[in-house]
Amino acid sequence: MNTVKKYWDHSTKPSTWVVKDDEKELFRGSYINGVMYLKSLESDGMISFKDNEKELQVNVVRERVEA
């Protein structure tokens, strides 16, 4: 993967979280699913919910505050 860009696309209803590698769209959906997608890329497809539970909770709270 080269440069990964992450941003909200507010042109869709509801707004969607987008992850792009250069110009190729890799993911589009909710913020929390995007975080899980990126975690799966970092760990060759394996996600440990036990190890990431607190981090995912923090991201969910952050998503609600930013929305």
N, C-alpha and C. Protein backbone atom coordinates (compact mmCIF):
# COMPACT_ATOMS: atom_id res chain seq x y z
N MET A 1 0.83 -1.18 0.00
CA MET A 1 0.00 0.00 0.00
C MET A 1 0.87 1.24 0.00
N ASN A 2 0.51 2.21 -0.77
CA ASN A 2 1.24 3.46 -0.79
C ASN A 2 0.65 4.40 0.25
N THR A 3 0.26 5.58 -0.16
CA THR A 3 -0.33 6.55 0.75
C THR A 3 -1.80 6.23 0.96
N VAL A 4 -2.18 6.08 2.22
CA VAL A 4 -3.58 5.79 2.55
C VAL A 4 -4.24 7.08 3.02
N LYS A 5 -5.35 7.43 2.39
CA LYS A 5 -6.12 8.61 2.76
C LYS A 5 -7.42 8.16 3.39
N LYS A 6 -7.79 8.80 4.50
CA LYS A 6 -9.04 8.47 5.20
C LYS A 6 -9.81 9.77 5.39
N TYR A 7 -11.09 9.76 5.02
CA TYR A 7 -11.88 10.97 5.13
C TYR A 7 -13.37 10.66 5.09
N TRP A 8 -14.16 11.63 5.54
CA TRP A 8 -15.62 11.54 5.44
C TRP A 8 -16.06 12.06 4.09
N ASP A 9 -16.96 11.35 3.44
CA ASP A 9 -17.59 11.81 2.20
C ASP A 9 -19.00 12.28 2.57
N HIS A 10 -19.17 13.59 2.63
CA HIS A 10 -20.46 14.15 3.03
C HIS A 10 -21.41 14.34 1.84
N SER A 11 -20.97 13.92 0.64
CA SER A 11 -21.86 14.03 -0.52
C SER A 11 -22.86 12.88 -0.56
N THR A 12 -22.67 11.88 0.29
CA THR A 12 -23.61 10.75 0.35
C THR A 12 -24.51 10.93 1.56
N LYS A 13 -25.68 10.33 1.52
CA LYS A 13 -26.62 10.39 2.65
C LYS A 13 -26.90 8.98 3.13
N PRO A 14 -26.52 8.57 4.30
CA PRO A 14 -25.73 9.32 5.27
C PRO A 14 -24.27 9.42 4.83
N SER A 15 -23.52 10.28 5.48
CA SER A 15 -22.09 10.43 5.17
C SER A 15 -21.38 9.09 5.35
N THR A 16 -20.37 8.85 4.53
CA THR A 16 -19.62 7.59 4.61
C THR A 16 -18.15 7.86 4.83
N TRP A 17 -17.49 6.93 5.51
CA TRP A 17 -16.06 6.98 5.77
C TRP A 17 -15.36 6.29 4.60
N VAL A 18 -14.37 6.93 4.00
CA VAL A 18 -13.70 6.41 2.81
C VAL A 18 -12.22 6.19 3.12
N VAL A 19 -11.70 5.07 2.65
CA VAL A 19 -10.27 4.78 2.73
C VAL A 19 -9.80 4.57 1.30
N LYS A 20 -8.78 5.34 0.90
CA LYS A 20 -8.24 5.24 -0.45
C LYS A 20 -6.74 4.99 -0.40
N ASP A 21 -6.26 4.20 -1.35
CA ASP A 21 -4.84 3.98 -1.57
C ASP A 21 -4.51 4.69 -2.88
N ASP A 22 -3.82 5.81 -2.79
CA ASP A 22 -3.61 6.69 -3.93
C ASP A 22 -4.99 7.08 -4.49
N GLU A 23 -5.38 6.59 -5.65
CA GLU A 23 -6.69 6.96 -6.20
C GLU A 23 -7.69 5.80 -6.18
N LYS A 24 -7.28 4.63 -5.71
CA LYS A 24 -8.17 3.47 -5.68
C LYS A 24 -8.92 3.43 -4.35
N GLU A 25 -10.24 3.38 -4.41
CA GLU A 25 -11.06 3.29 -3.21
C GLU A 25 -11.00 1.87 -2.66
N LEU A 26 -10.55 1.74 -1.41
CA LEU A 26 -10.43 0.44 -0.77
C LEU A 26 -11.61 0.10 0.10
N PHE A 27 -12.21 1.13 0.70
CA PHE A 27 -13.32 0.90 1.63
C PHE A 27 -14.24 2.11 1.62
N ARG A 28 -15.54 1.85 1.78
CA ARG A 28 -16.54 2.91 1.96
C ARG A 28 -17.61 2.35 2.88
N GLY A 29 -17.90 3.07 3.96
CA GLY A 29 -18.91 2.60 4.89
C GLY A 29 -18.87 3.39 6.18
N SER A 30 -19.21 2.73 7.29
CA SER A 30 -19.22 3.42 8.59
C SER A 30 -17.78 3.57 9.10
N TYR A 31 -17.60 4.52 10.01
CA TYR A 31 -16.28 4.77 10.57
C TYR A 31 -15.75 3.54 11.29
N ILE A 32 -16.57 2.94 12.14
CA ILE A 32 -16.09 1.80 12.93
C ILE A 32 -15.73 0.61 12.04
N ASN A 33 -16.49 0.39 10.97
CA ASN A 33 -16.14 -0.69 10.03
C ASN A 33 -14.85 -0.34 9.28
N GLY A 34 -14.64 0.94 9.02
CA GLY A 34 -13.39 1.37 8.40
C GLY A 34 -12.19 1.13 9.29
N VAL A 35 -12.36 1.39 10.59
CA VAL A 35 -11.29 1.12 11.56
C VAL A 35 -10.98 -0.38 11.57
N MET A 36 -12.02 -1.19 11.57
CA MET A 36 -11.81 -2.64 11.55
C MET A 36 -11.14 -3.09 10.26
N TYR A 37 -11.50 -2.48 9.14
CA TYR A 37 -10.87 -2.80 7.86
C TYR A 37 -9.38 -2.49 7.91
N LEU A 38 -9.02 -1.30 8.42
CA LEU A 38 -7.61 -0.93 8.51
C LEU A 38 -6.85 -1.85 9.46
N LYS A 39 -7.48 -2.24 10.58
CA LYS A 39 -6.86 -3.18 11.51
C LYS A 39 -6.59 -4.51 10.82
N SER A 40 -7.52 -4.95 9.98
CA SER A 40 -7.32 -6.23 9.28
C SER A 40 -6.16 -6.13 8.30
N LEU A 41 -5.96 -4.97 7.68
CA LEU A 41 -4.82 -4.81 6.77
C LEU A 41 -3.50 -4.85 7.53
N GLU A 42 -3.49 -4.25 8.71
CA GLU A 42 -2.26 -4.20 9.52
C GLU A 42 -1.86 -5.58 10.03
N SER A 43 -2.83 -6.47 10.21
CA SER A 43 -2.54 -7.76 10.83
C SER A 43 -2.85 -8.94 9.91
N ASP A 44 -2.71 -8.75 8.61
CA ASP A 44 -2.93 -9.81 7.63
C ASP A 44 -4.29 -10.47 7.75
N GLY A 45 -5.32 -9.68 8.02
CA GLY A 45 -6.68 -10.18 8.05
C GLY A 45 -7.19 -10.65 9.39
N MET A 46 -6.34 -10.68 10.39
CA MET A 46 -6.74 -11.15 11.72
C MET A 46 -7.06 -9.96 12.63
N ILE A 47 -8.22 -10.00 13.26
CA ILE A 47 -8.60 -8.95 14.20
C ILE A 47 -8.91 -9.62 15.54
N SER A 48 -8.26 -9.15 16.58
CA SER A 48 -8.56 -9.66 17.92
C SER A 48 -9.44 -8.64 18.62
N PHE A 49 -10.70 -8.99 18.80
CA PHE A 49 -11.62 -8.06 19.45
C PHE A 49 -11.27 -7.87 20.92
N LYS A 50 -10.71 -8.90 21.54
CA LYS A 50 -10.30 -8.80 22.93
C LYS A 50 -9.19 -7.76 23.08
N ASP A 51 -8.19 -7.81 22.22
CA ASP A 51 -7.06 -6.88 22.30
C ASP A 51 -7.44 -5.48 21.87
N ASN A 52 -8.40 -5.34 20.95
CA ASN A 52 -8.75 -4.04 20.39
C ASN A 52 -10.03 -3.45 20.97
N GLU A 53 -10.62 -4.10 21.95
CA GLU A 53 -11.92 -3.68 22.46
C GLU A 53 -11.90 -2.24 22.96
N LYS A 54 -10.93 -1.87 23.78
CA LYS A 54 -10.88 -0.50 24.31
C LYS A 54 -10.64 0.51 23.20
N GLU A 55 -9.75 0.19 22.28
CA GLU A 55 -9.49 1.11 21.17
C GLU A 55 -10.73 1.31 20.31
N LEU A 56 -11.46 0.23 20.03
CA LEU A 56 -12.69 0.35 19.24
C LEU A 56 -13.73 1.16 19.98
N GLN A 57 -13.84 1.00 21.30
CA GLN A 57 -14.79 1.79 22.09
C GLN A 57 -14.44 3.26 22.01
N VAL A 58 -13.16 3.59 22.10
CA VAL A 58 -12.73 4.99 22.01
C VAL A 58 -13.09 5.55 20.65
N ASN A 59 -12.88 4.78 19.58
CA ASN A 59 -13.20 5.25 18.22
C ASN A 59 -14.70 5.45 18.04
N VAL A 60 -15.52 4.60 18.64
CA VAL A 60 -16.97 4.76 18.54
C VAL A 60 -17.38 6.05 19.22
N VAL A 61 -16.85 6.32 20.40
CA VAL A 61 -17.16 7.57 21.12
C VAL A 61 -16.71 8.75 20.28
N ARG A 62 -15.51 8.68 19.71
CA ARG A 62 -14.99 9.77 18.87
C ARG A 62 -15.90 10.00 17.68
N GLU A 63 -16.40 8.91 17.07
CA GLU A 63 -17.29 9.02 15.91
C GLU A 63 -18.59 9.75 16.30
N ARG A 64 -19.13 9.43 17.46
CA ARG A 64 -20.38 10.06 17.89
C ARG A 64 -20.18 11.54 18.16
N VAL A 65 -19.02 11.90 18.72
CA VAL A 65 -18.73 13.31 19.00
C VAL A 65 -18.55 14.10 17.72
N GLU A 66 -17.87 13.50 16.72
CA GLU A 66 -17.60 14.20 15.47
C GLU A 66 -18.83 14.29 14.57
N ALA A 67 -19.79 13.42 14.73
CA ALA A 67 -20.97 13.38 13.85
C ALA A 67 -21.88 14.56 14.08
